[in-house]
Amino acid sequence: EVQLVESGGGLAQPGGSLRLSCAASGFTFSSVTLDWVRQAPGKGLEWVSTINGGGATYYADSVKGRFTVSRDNAKNTLYLQLNSLKTEDTAMYYCKIGARRGQGTQVTVSS
């Protein structure tokens, strides 16, 4: 059974940083493409970033240069480093494989 468990969210000030983690199990982690998506209050799901099995990374324009996706295949864990946070980054963040995603971790950016 595929399981994705996000953690690391919290409250940060504008300009601050957070590091999100996604612990994965139930599939061959090292070979798959994984995504981070987010959902702000009252809005739809927004793609944030993708990392494929070869380590290539892709970012939405809204986070490019501020967020960094990475993976540790030995730990079956996906990461998202969030820097230079803005209030508009406030959202529930989910890791996703195909159509499946975890329960999410809340990121709130506020002064």
N, C-alpha and C. Protein backbone atom coordinates (compact mmCIF):
# COMPACT_ATOMS: atom_id res chain seq x y z
N GLU A 1 0.84 -1.20 0.00
CA GLU A 1 0.00 0.00 0.00
C GLU A 1 0.88 1.24 0.00
N VAL A 2 0.58 2.14 -0.92
CA VAL A 2 1.31 3.40 -0.99
C VAL A 2 0.96 4.28 0.20
N GLN A 3 2.00 4.75 0.89
CA GLN A 3 1.79 5.70 1.98
C GLN A 3 2.75 6.87 1.81
N LEU A 4 2.20 8.06 2.02
CA LEU A 4 2.97 9.30 1.95
C LEU A 4 2.63 10.11 3.19
N VAL A 5 3.63 10.47 3.97
CA VAL A 5 3.40 11.20 5.21
C VAL A 5 4.26 12.46 5.22
N GLU A 6 3.59 13.60 5.10
CA GLU A 6 4.29 14.88 5.08
C GLU A 6 4.48 15.41 6.49
N SER A 7 5.54 16.19 6.67
CA SER A 7 5.80 16.85 7.95
C SER A 7 6.68 18.07 7.69
N GLY A 8 6.83 18.89 8.73
CA GLY A 8 7.74 20.02 8.64
C GLY A 8 7.08 21.37 8.44
N GLY A 9 5.79 21.38 8.25
CA GLY A 9 5.10 22.64 8.09
C GLY A 9 5.06 23.41 9.40
N GLY A 10 4.54 24.63 9.32
CA GLY A 10 4.43 25.45 10.51
C GLY A 10 4.23 26.90 10.15
N LEU A 11 4.49 27.74 11.13
CA LEU A 11 4.34 29.19 10.95
C LEU A 11 5.72 29.79 10.70
N ALA A 12 5.81 30.60 9.66
CA ALA A 12 7.06 31.28 9.34
C ALA A 12 6.76 32.73 9.00
N GLN A 13 7.73 33.58 9.22
CA GLN A 13 7.59 34.98 8.86
C GLN A 13 7.94 35.18 7.39
N PRO A 14 7.43 36.22 6.77
CA PRO A 14 7.87 36.52 5.40
C PRO A 14 9.38 36.63 5.35
N GLY A 15 9.96 35.99 4.33
CA GLY A 15 11.42 35.94 4.22
C GLY A 15 12.04 34.76 4.92
N GLY A 16 11.25 34.05 5.68
CA GLY A 16 11.77 32.91 6.44
C GLY A 16 11.87 31.64 5.62
N SER A 17 12.21 30.56 6.31
CA SER A 17 12.42 29.27 5.65
C SER A 17 11.75 28.15 6.42
N LEU A 18 11.41 27.12 5.70
CA LEU A 18 10.92 25.87 6.26
C LEU A 18 11.43 24.73 5.40
N ARG A 19 11.51 23.55 5.98
CA ARG A 19 11.88 22.36 5.21
C ARG A 19 10.80 21.31 5.41
N LEU A 20 10.16 20.94 4.33
CA LEU A 20 9.13 19.91 4.37
C LEU A 20 9.74 18.56 4.04
N SER A 21 9.19 17.54 4.66
CA SER A 21 9.61 16.16 4.39
C SER A 21 8.40 15.33 4.02
N CYS A 22 8.64 14.29 3.24
CA CYS A 22 7.58 13.36 2.87
C CYS A 22 8.17 11.96 2.95
N ALA A 23 7.76 11.22 3.95
CA ALA A 23 8.22 9.84 4.13
C ALA A 23 7.32 8.92 3.32
N ALA A 24 7.93 8.11 2.45
CA ALA A 24 7.17 7.29 1.51
C ALA A 24 7.40 5.81 1.77
N SER A 25 6.40 5.02 1.48
CA SER A 25 6.51 3.57 1.58
C SER A 25 5.49 2.92 0.66
N GLY A 26 5.73 1.62 0.38
CA GLY A 26 4.77 0.87 -0.42
C GLY A 26 5.05 0.85 -1.90
N PHE A 27 6.18 1.40 -2.31
CA PHE A 27 6.56 1.37 -3.72
C PHE A 27 8.07 1.54 -3.82
N THR A 28 8.61 1.33 -5.03
CA THR A 28 10.04 1.46 -5.25
C THR A 28 10.38 2.94 -5.40
N PHE A 29 10.78 3.53 -4.29
CA PHE A 29 10.92 4.98 -4.19
C PHE A 29 11.92 5.54 -5.20
N SER A 30 13.05 4.89 -5.36
CA SER A 30 14.17 5.48 -6.10
C SER A 30 13.87 5.69 -7.59
N SER A 31 12.91 4.99 -8.12
CA SER A 31 12.70 5.03 -9.57
C SER A 31 11.53 5.89 -10.01
N VAL A 32 10.80 6.46 -9.07
CA VAL A 32 9.56 7.14 -9.44
C VAL A 32 9.70 8.65 -9.47
N THR A 33 8.81 9.26 -10.21
CA THR A 33 8.67 10.72 -10.23
C THR A 33 7.73 11.13 -9.11
N LEU A 34 8.14 12.15 -8.38
CA LEU A 34 7.35 12.63 -7.24
C LEU A 34 7.10 14.12 -7.38
N ASP A 35 5.98 14.54 -6.89
CA ASP A 35 5.57 15.95 -6.99
C ASP A 35 5.29 16.53 -5.62
N TRP A 36 5.43 17.84 -5.55
CA TRP A 36 4.86 18.61 -4.46
C TRP A 36 3.76 19.48 -5.07
N VAL A 37 2.62 19.50 -4.41
CA VAL A 37 1.53 20.36 -4.82
C VAL A 37 1.04 21.08 -3.56
N ARG A 38 0.27 22.14 -3.75
CA ARG A 38 -0.25 22.87 -2.60
C ARG A 38 -1.65 23.38 -2.89
N GLN A 39 -2.36 23.65 -1.81
CA GLN A 39 -3.71 24.17 -1.93
C GLN A 39 -3.90 25.28 -0.91
N ALA A 40 -4.07 26.48 -1.40
CA ALA A 40 -4.33 27.62 -0.54
C ALA A 40 -5.81 27.66 -0.17
N PRO A 41 -6.15 28.31 0.93
CA PRO A 41 -7.55 28.38 1.34
C PRO A 41 -8.43 28.94 0.23
N GLY A 42 -9.48 28.21 -0.11
CA GLY A 42 -10.44 28.67 -1.10
C GLY A 42 -9.98 28.55 -2.54
N LYS A 43 -8.82 27.92 -2.76
CA LYS A 43 -8.29 27.79 -4.11
C LYS A 43 -8.10 26.32 -4.49
N GLY A 44 -7.84 26.08 -5.77
CA GLY A 44 -7.62 24.73 -6.23
C GLY A 44 -6.20 24.26 -5.99
N LEU A 45 -5.95 23.02 -6.38
CA LEU A 45 -4.65 22.43 -6.19
C LEU A 45 -3.67 23.06 -7.19
N GLU A 46 -2.48 23.42 -6.71
CA GLU A 46 -1.48 24.07 -7.54
C GLU A 46 -0.20 23.23 -7.55
N TRP A 47 0.30 22.90 -8.71
CA TRP A 47 1.57 22.19 -8.82
C TRP A 47 2.70 23.11 -8.39
N VAL A 48 3.63 22.56 -7.60
CA VAL A 48 4.76 23.33 -7.09
C VAL A 48 6.08 22.86 -7.69
N SER A 49 6.32 21.54 -7.64
CA SER A 49 7.62 21.05 -8.05
C SER A 49 7.55 19.56 -8.34
N THR A 50 8.49 19.10 -9.18
CA THR A 50 8.60 17.68 -9.53
C THR A 50 10.06 17.28 -9.53
N ILE A 51 10.32 16.07 -9.07
CA ILE A 51 11.65 15.48 -9.20
C ILE A 51 11.47 14.08 -9.77
N ASN A 52 12.22 13.75 -10.82
CA ASN A 52 12.06 12.42 -11.40
C ASN A 52 13.09 11.45 -10.83
N GLY A 53 13.04 10.21 -11.31
CA GLY A 53 13.92 9.18 -10.76
C GLY A 53 15.39 9.45 -11.01
N GLY A 54 15.68 10.25 -12.03
CA GLY A 54 17.06 10.60 -12.34
C GLY A 54 17.56 11.82 -11.62
N GLY A 55 16.69 12.44 -10.87
CA GLY A 55 17.06 13.63 -10.09
C GLY A 55 16.80 14.95 -10.78
N ALA A 56 16.24 14.92 -11.98
CA ALA A 56 15.90 16.17 -12.65
C ALA A 56 14.76 16.85 -11.91
N THR A 57 14.84 18.17 -11.81
CA THR A 57 13.86 18.92 -11.03
C THR A 57 13.17 19.98 -11.88
N TYR A 58 11.95 20.28 -11.50
CA TYR A 58 11.12 21.23 -12.23
C TYR A 58 10.33 22.03 -11.20
N TYR A 59 10.11 23.31 -11.51
CA TYR A 59 9.44 24.20 -10.55
C TYR A 59 8.41 25.08 -11.24
N ALA A 60 7.36 25.39 -10.51
CA ALA A 60 6.43 26.41 -10.95
C ALA A 60 7.13 27.76 -10.92
N ASP A 61 6.74 28.63 -11.82
CA ASP A 61 7.37 29.95 -11.89
C ASP A 61 7.24 30.70 -10.56
N SER A 62 6.15 30.46 -9.86
CA SER A 62 5.89 31.18 -8.62
C SER A 62 6.87 30.84 -7.50
N VAL A 63 7.57 29.70 -7.62
CA VAL A 63 8.49 29.29 -6.55
C VAL A 63 9.92 29.13 -7.03
N LYS A 64 10.14 29.27 -8.33
CA LYS A 64 11.47 29.07 -8.89
C LYS A 64 12.47 30.04 -8.26
N GLY A 65 13.62 29.50 -7.87
CA GLY A 65 14.64 30.31 -7.22
C GLY A 65 14.47 30.44 -5.72
N ARG A 66 13.32 30.00 -5.19
CA ARG A 66 13.08 30.09 -3.75
C ARG A 66 12.93 28.70 -3.11
N PHE A 67 12.35 27.77 -3.83
CA PHE A 67 12.12 26.43 -3.31
C PHE A 67 13.09 25.46 -3.97
N THR A 68 13.48 24.43 -3.24
CA THR A 68 14.35 23.39 -3.78
C THR A 68 13.82 22.02 -3.40
N VAL A 69 13.59 21.18 -4.39
CA VAL A 69 13.13 19.82 -4.15
C VAL A 69 14.34 18.88 -4.19
N SER A 70 14.31 17.88 -3.33
CA SER A 70 15.38 16.88 -3.31
C SER A 70 14.82 15.57 -2.79
N ARG A 71 15.61 14.53 -2.93
CA ARG A 71 15.16 13.22 -2.45
C ARG A 71 16.35 12.47 -1.87
N ASP A 72 16.06 11.65 -0.86
CA ASP A 72 17.05 10.76 -0.29
C ASP A 72 16.53 9.34 -0.50
N ASN A 73 17.05 8.68 -1.51
CA ASN A 73 16.54 7.36 -1.86
C ASN A 73 16.85 6.32 -0.78
N ALA A 74 17.91 6.53 -0.03
CA ALA A 74 18.24 5.59 1.05
C ALA A 74 17.22 5.67 2.18
N LYS A 75 16.61 6.83 2.33
CA LYS A 75 15.63 7.03 3.41
C LYS A 75 14.20 7.04 2.90
N ASN A 76 14.02 6.83 1.59
CA ASN A 76 12.67 6.88 1.01
C ASN A 76 11.95 8.17 1.41
N THR A 77 12.67 9.27 1.31
CA THR A 77 12.12 10.55 1.75
C THR A 77 12.32 11.63 0.70
N LEU A 78 11.27 12.38 0.50
CA LEU A 78 11.26 13.53 -0.40
C LEU A 78 11.28 14.79 0.44
N TYR A 79 11.98 15.82 -0.05
CA TYR A 79 12.08 17.07 0.69
C TYR A 79 11.68 18.25 -0.19
N LEU A 80 11.26 19.31 0.49
CA LEU A 80 11.06 20.59 -0.18
C LEU A 80 11.57 21.67 0.74
N GLN A 81 12.66 22.33 0.32
CA GLN A 81 13.20 23.45 1.09
C GLN A 81 12.53 24.73 0.60
N LEU A 82 11.91 25.43 1.52
CA LEU A 82 11.19 26.65 1.21
C LEU A 82 11.97 27.83 1.78
N ASN A 83 12.50 28.68 0.92
CA ASN A 83 13.22 29.87 1.35
C ASN A 83 12.52 31.13 0.85
N SER A 84 12.88 32.25 1.43
CA SER A 84 12.31 33.54 1.02
C SER A 84 10.79 33.46 0.95
N LEU A 85 10.20 32.93 1.99
CA LEU A 85 8.76 32.68 1.98
C LEU A 85 7.97 33.99 1.86
N LYS A 86 6.84 33.88 1.18
CA LYS A 86 5.92 35.00 0.99
C LYS A 86 4.57 34.61 1.57
N THR A 87 3.76 35.61 1.88
CA THR A 87 2.43 35.32 2.44
C THR A 87 1.61 34.47 1.48
N GLU A 88 1.83 34.65 0.19
CA GLU A 88 1.07 33.87 -0.79
C GLU A 88 1.52 32.41 -0.88
N ASP A 89 2.55 32.04 -0.14
CA ASP A 89 2.95 30.63 -0.06
C ASP A 89 2.13 29.87 0.98
N THR A 90 1.30 30.59 1.73
CA THR A 90 0.45 29.94 2.72
C THR A 90 -0.48 28.95 2.04
N ALA A 91 -0.40 27.69 2.47
CA ALA A 91 -1.19 26.62 1.84
C ALA A 91 -0.95 25.32 2.58
N MET A 92 -1.77 24.33 2.27
CA MET A 92 -1.49 22.96 2.67
C MET A 92 -0.62 22.36 1.57
N TYR A 93 0.49 21.77 1.96
CA TYR A 93 1.43 21.20 1.00
C TYR A 93 1.34 19.67 1.05
N TYR A 94 1.30 19.09 -0.14
CA TYR A 94 1.17 17.63 -0.27
C TYR A 94 2.28 17.09 -1.16
N CYS A 95 2.80 15.92 -0.82
CA CYS A 95 3.62 15.19 -1.78
C CYS A 95 2.69 14.23 -2.52
N LYS A 96 3.07 13.93 -3.74
CA LYS A 96 2.17 13.19 -4.60
C LYS A 96 2.93 12.25 -5.52
N ILE A 97 2.39 11.05 -5.67
CA ILE A 97 2.88 10.12 -6.68
C ILE A 97 1.68 9.70 -7.50
N GLY A 98 1.69 10.00 -8.77
CA GLY A 98 0.52 9.76 -9.61
C GLY A 98 -0.65 10.54 -9.04
N ALA A 99 -1.74 9.84 -8.84
CA ALA A 99 -2.94 10.50 -8.32
C ALA A 99 -3.01 10.45 -6.79
N ARG A 100 -2.03 9.83 -6.16
CA ARG A 100 -2.09 9.67 -4.71
C ARG A 100 -1.28 10.74 -4.00
N ARG A 101 -1.82 11.22 -2.89
CA ARG A 101 -1.09 12.18 -2.09
C ARG A 101 -1.32 11.92 -0.62
N GLY A 102 -0.45 12.50 0.20
CA GLY A 102 -0.56 12.30 1.63
C GLY A 102 -1.61 13.20 2.24
N GLN A 103 -1.55 13.31 3.57
CA GLN A 103 -2.54 14.11 4.30
C GLN A 103 -2.18 15.59 4.31
N GLY A 104 -0.96 15.89 3.96
CA GLY A 104 -0.55 17.27 3.85
C GLY A 104 0.07 17.83 5.12
N THR A 105 0.80 18.93 4.96
CA THR A 105 1.36 19.66 6.08
C THR A 105 1.12 21.15 5.82
N GLN A 106 0.64 21.85 6.85
CA GLN A 106 0.22 23.24 6.68
C GLN A 106 1.42 24.18 6.80
N VAL A 107 1.54 25.07 5.84
CA VAL A 107 2.53 26.14 5.88
C VAL A 107 1.78 27.47 5.95
N THR A 108 2.07 28.24 6.97
CA THR A 108 1.46 29.55 7.14
C THR A 108 2.57 30.59 7.21
N VAL A 109 2.48 31.57 6.33
CA VAL A 109 3.49 32.63 6.29
C VAL A 109 2.80 33.93 6.70
N SER A 110 3.21 34.46 7.83
CA SER A 110 2.56 35.64 8.38
C SER A 110 3.51 36.35 9.33
N SER A 111 3.37 37.68 9.35
CA SER A 111 4.17 38.45 10.30
C SER A 111 3.38 38.67 11.59
